[in-house]
Amino acid sequence: GSVPQAIICALEATDFEDAIRNAISIGGDSDTIAAIAGSIAEARFSIPEDLALLAWARLPAEMRRIIELFYARLA
């Protein structure tokens, strides 16, 4: 299953990006495995700022607005 594979990918990683690379290299349902492994890796390592900024810049403006509202309500 995807969950055990994702856990292994995250636990064997040396940083956030390594966890994602581990997940992709498994093959199969790699997008699901990478999503789960990335969630675990974020808790362990945080997402590198340059990668987070790149992802943020690629989001549509409406999605960024919704995320900002979500974070504002949590503050």
N, C-alpha and C. Protein backbone atom coordinates (compact mmCIF):
# COMPACT_ATOMS: atom_id res chain seq x y z
N GLY A 1 0.80 -1.19 0.00
CA GLY A 1 0.00 0.00 0.00
C GLY A 1 0.85 1.26 0.00
N SER A 2 0.22 2.35 -0.27
CA SER A 2 0.90 3.64 -0.38
C SER A 2 1.41 4.18 0.95
N VAL A 3 0.65 3.99 2.01
CA VAL A 3 1.02 4.60 3.30
C VAL A 3 2.33 4.03 3.85
N PRO A 4 2.48 2.70 3.92
CA PRO A 4 3.76 2.19 4.43
C PRO A 4 4.95 2.63 3.58
N GLN A 5 4.77 2.65 2.26
CA GLN A 5 5.85 3.10 1.37
C GLN A 5 6.19 4.56 1.64
N ALA A 6 5.17 5.38 1.81
CA ALA A 6 5.39 6.81 2.07
C ALA A 6 6.11 7.04 3.39
N ILE A 7 5.74 6.29 4.39
CA ILE A 7 6.40 6.43 5.70
C ILE A 7 7.88 6.09 5.58
N ILE A 8 8.18 5.02 4.88
CA ILE A 8 9.58 4.63 4.68
C ILE A 8 10.33 5.72 3.93
N CYS A 9 9.72 6.25 2.86
CA CYS A 9 10.36 7.32 2.08
C CYS A 9 10.69 8.52 2.96
N ALA A 10 9.78 8.89 3.83
CA ALA A 10 9.99 10.06 4.69
C ALA A 10 11.01 9.78 5.78
N LEU A 11 10.97 8.59 6.35
CA LEU A 11 11.89 8.28 7.45
C LEU A 11 13.32 8.05 6.98
N GLU A 12 13.48 7.58 5.74
CA GLU A 12 14.83 7.35 5.22
C GLU A 12 15.43 8.60 4.59
N ALA A 13 14.65 9.66 4.48
CA ALA A 13 15.10 10.89 3.82
C ALA A 13 16.06 11.68 4.71
N THR A 14 16.92 12.44 4.04
CA THR A 14 17.83 13.33 4.75
C THR A 14 17.32 14.77 4.77
N ASP A 15 16.33 15.07 3.92
CA ASP A 15 15.68 16.38 3.91
C ASP A 15 14.36 16.26 3.16
N PHE A 16 13.62 17.36 3.06
CA PHE A 16 12.30 17.34 2.43
C PHE A 16 12.36 16.84 1.00
N GLU A 17 13.25 17.41 0.21
CA GLU A 17 13.34 17.03 -1.20
C GLU A 17 13.73 15.57 -1.37
N ASP A 18 14.56 15.06 -0.50
CA ASP A 18 14.96 13.66 -0.56
C ASP A 18 13.75 12.75 -0.36
N ALA A 19 12.85 13.13 0.52
CA ALA A 19 11.64 12.33 0.75
C ALA A 19 10.80 12.26 -0.52
N ILE A 20 10.66 13.39 -1.21
CA ILE A 20 9.89 13.42 -2.45
C ILE A 20 10.58 12.58 -3.52
N ARG A 21 11.89 12.71 -3.63
CA ARG A 21 12.64 11.91 -4.61
C ARG A 21 12.50 10.42 -4.31
N ASN A 22 12.60 10.06 -3.05
CA ASN A 22 12.42 8.65 -2.68
C ASN A 22 11.06 8.14 -3.14
N ALA A 23 10.03 8.92 -2.92
CA ALA A 23 8.67 8.51 -3.28
C ALA A 23 8.51 8.37 -4.78
N ILE A 24 9.04 9.30 -5.53
CA ILE A 24 8.91 9.25 -6.99
C ILE A 24 9.65 8.06 -7.56
N SER A 25 10.78 7.73 -6.95
CA SER A 25 11.60 6.63 -7.49
C SER A 25 10.96 5.26 -7.28
N ILE A 26 9.99 5.16 -6.39
CA ILE A 26 9.31 3.89 -6.17
C ILE A 26 8.48 3.48 -7.38
N GLY A 27 7.89 4.47 -8.04
CA GLY A 27 7.01 4.17 -9.16
C GLY A 27 5.62 3.85 -8.66
N GLY A 28 4.81 3.30 -9.52
CA GLY A 28 3.43 2.97 -9.14
C GLY A 28 2.64 4.23 -8.88
N ASP A 29 1.95 4.26 -7.77
CA ASP A 29 1.11 5.41 -7.40
C ASP A 29 1.97 6.49 -6.74
N SER A 30 2.99 6.92 -7.48
CA SER A 30 4.01 7.79 -6.90
C SER A 30 3.48 9.16 -6.49
N ASP A 31 2.43 9.66 -7.14
CA ASP A 31 1.91 10.97 -6.72
C ASP A 31 1.27 10.89 -5.34
N THR A 32 0.57 9.82 -5.06
CA THR A 32 -0.02 9.63 -3.73
C THR A 32 1.06 9.40 -2.69
N ILE A 33 2.02 8.55 -3.02
CA ILE A 33 3.12 8.26 -2.10
C ILE A 33 3.90 9.54 -1.80
N ALA A 34 4.16 10.34 -2.83
CA ALA A 34 4.91 11.59 -2.64
C ALA A 34 4.11 12.59 -1.80
N ALA A 35 2.80 12.64 -1.99
CA ALA A 35 1.98 13.56 -1.19
C ALA A 35 2.03 13.19 0.29
N ILE A 36 1.93 11.90 0.57
CA ILE A 36 1.97 11.45 1.96
C ILE A 36 3.37 11.64 2.55
N ALA A 37 4.37 11.20 1.79
CA ALA A 37 5.76 11.34 2.26
C ALA A 37 6.11 12.81 2.47
N GLY A 38 5.64 13.68 1.58
CA GLY A 38 5.90 15.11 1.71
C GLY A 38 5.26 15.70 2.96
N SER A 39 4.08 15.22 3.30
CA SER A 39 3.41 15.69 4.52
C SER A 39 4.21 15.31 5.76
N ILE A 40 4.70 14.09 5.76
CA ILE A 40 5.51 13.64 6.90
C ILE A 40 6.84 14.40 6.93
N ALA A 41 7.45 14.54 5.75
CA ALA A 41 8.75 15.22 5.66
C ALA A 41 8.64 16.69 6.06
N GLU A 42 7.51 17.33 5.76
CA GLU A 42 7.34 18.73 6.18
C GLU A 42 7.40 18.84 7.70
N ALA A 43 6.79 17.88 8.38
CA ALA A 43 6.83 17.90 9.85
C ALA A 43 8.25 17.65 10.37
N ARG A 44 9.02 16.85 9.66
CA ARG A 44 10.39 16.54 10.10
C ARG A 44 11.38 17.63 9.75
N PHE A 45 11.29 18.16 8.53
CA PHE A 45 12.35 19.02 8.00
C PHE A 45 11.91 20.45 7.66
N SER A 46 10.63 20.70 7.50
CA SER A 46 10.08 21.92 6.91
C SER A 46 10.35 21.91 5.40
N ILE A 47 9.58 22.71 4.70
CA ILE A 47 9.77 22.83 3.25
C ILE A 47 10.80 23.93 3.03
N PRO A 48 11.81 23.68 2.21
CA PRO A 48 12.80 24.73 1.93
C PRO A 48 12.10 25.98 1.39
N GLU A 49 12.52 27.15 1.87
CA GLU A 49 11.85 28.39 1.49
C GLU A 49 11.84 28.61 -0.02
N ASP A 50 12.94 28.31 -0.70
CA ASP A 50 12.97 28.52 -2.15
C ASP A 50 11.95 27.65 -2.86
N LEU A 51 11.77 26.43 -2.40
CA LEU A 51 10.79 25.52 -3.00
C LEU A 51 9.37 25.99 -2.70
N ALA A 52 9.13 26.44 -1.47
CA ALA A 52 7.81 26.94 -1.09
C ALA A 52 7.44 28.18 -1.91
N LEU A 53 8.39 29.08 -2.10
CA LEU A 53 8.13 30.29 -2.89
C LEU A 53 7.86 29.96 -4.35
N LEU A 54 8.58 29.00 -4.89
CA LEU A 54 8.35 28.58 -6.27
C LEU A 54 6.95 27.99 -6.43
N ALA A 55 6.56 27.13 -5.50
CA ALA A 55 5.22 26.53 -5.55
C ALA A 55 4.14 27.61 -5.41
N TRP A 56 4.35 28.55 -4.47
CA TRP A 56 3.39 29.63 -4.25
C TRP A 56 3.20 30.46 -5.51
N ALA A 57 4.29 30.76 -6.20
CA ALA A 57 4.23 31.59 -7.41
C ALA A 57 3.46 30.90 -8.53
N ARG A 58 3.42 29.59 -8.52
CA ARG A 58 2.74 28.84 -9.58
C ARG A 58 1.25 28.63 -9.32
N LEU A 59 0.81 28.94 -8.11
CA LEU A 59 -0.61 28.79 -7.79
C LEU A 59 -1.42 29.90 -8.44
N PRO A 60 -2.64 29.59 -8.88
CA PRO A 60 -3.51 30.65 -9.38
C PRO A 60 -3.82 31.65 -8.26
N ALA A 61 -4.05 32.89 -8.65
CA ALA A 61 -4.30 33.96 -7.67
C ALA A 61 -5.46 33.63 -6.75
N GLU A 62 -6.52 33.04 -7.27
CA GLU A 62 -7.68 32.70 -6.44
C GLU A 62 -7.31 31.68 -5.37
N MET A 63 -6.48 30.71 -5.71
CA MET A 63 -6.07 29.71 -4.73
C MET A 63 -5.19 30.35 -3.65
N ARG A 64 -4.30 31.25 -4.06
CA ARG A 64 -3.46 31.95 -3.08
C ARG A 64 -4.33 32.76 -2.11
N ARG A 65 -5.37 33.40 -2.65
CA ARG A 65 -6.27 34.20 -1.82
C ARG A 65 -6.98 33.32 -0.79
N ILE A 66 -7.44 32.15 -1.21
CA ILE A 66 -8.12 31.23 -0.30
C ILE A 66 -7.17 30.75 0.79
N ILE A 67 -5.95 30.44 0.42
CA ILE A 67 -4.95 29.99 1.41
C ILE A 67 -4.66 31.11 2.41
N GLU A 68 -4.53 32.34 1.91
CA GLU A 68 -4.29 33.47 2.81
C GLU A 68 -5.44 33.66 3.79
N LEU A 69 -6.68 33.51 3.31
CA LEU A 69 -7.84 33.62 4.20
C LEU A 69 -7.83 32.50 5.24
N PHE A 70 -7.48 31.31 4.82
CA PHE A 70 -7.40 30.17 5.74
C PHE A 70 -6.40 30.45 6.86
N TYR A 71 -5.20 30.90 6.48
CA TYR A 71 -4.18 31.20 7.49
C TYR A 71 -4.59 32.37 8.39
N ALA A 72 -5.28 33.36 7.83
CA ALA A 72 -5.73 34.50 8.63
C ALA A 72 -6.73 34.05 9.71
N ARG A 73 -7.56 33.09 9.38
CA ARG A 73 -8.53 32.59 10.36
C ARG A 73 -7.87 31.76 11.44
N LEU A 74 -6.74 31.15 11.13
CA LEU A 74 -6.02 30.34 12.11
C LEU A 74 -5.21 31.19 13.08
N ALA A 75 -4.88 32.41 12.65
CA ALA A 75 -4.00 33.28 13.47
C ALA A 75 -4.69 33.79 14.69
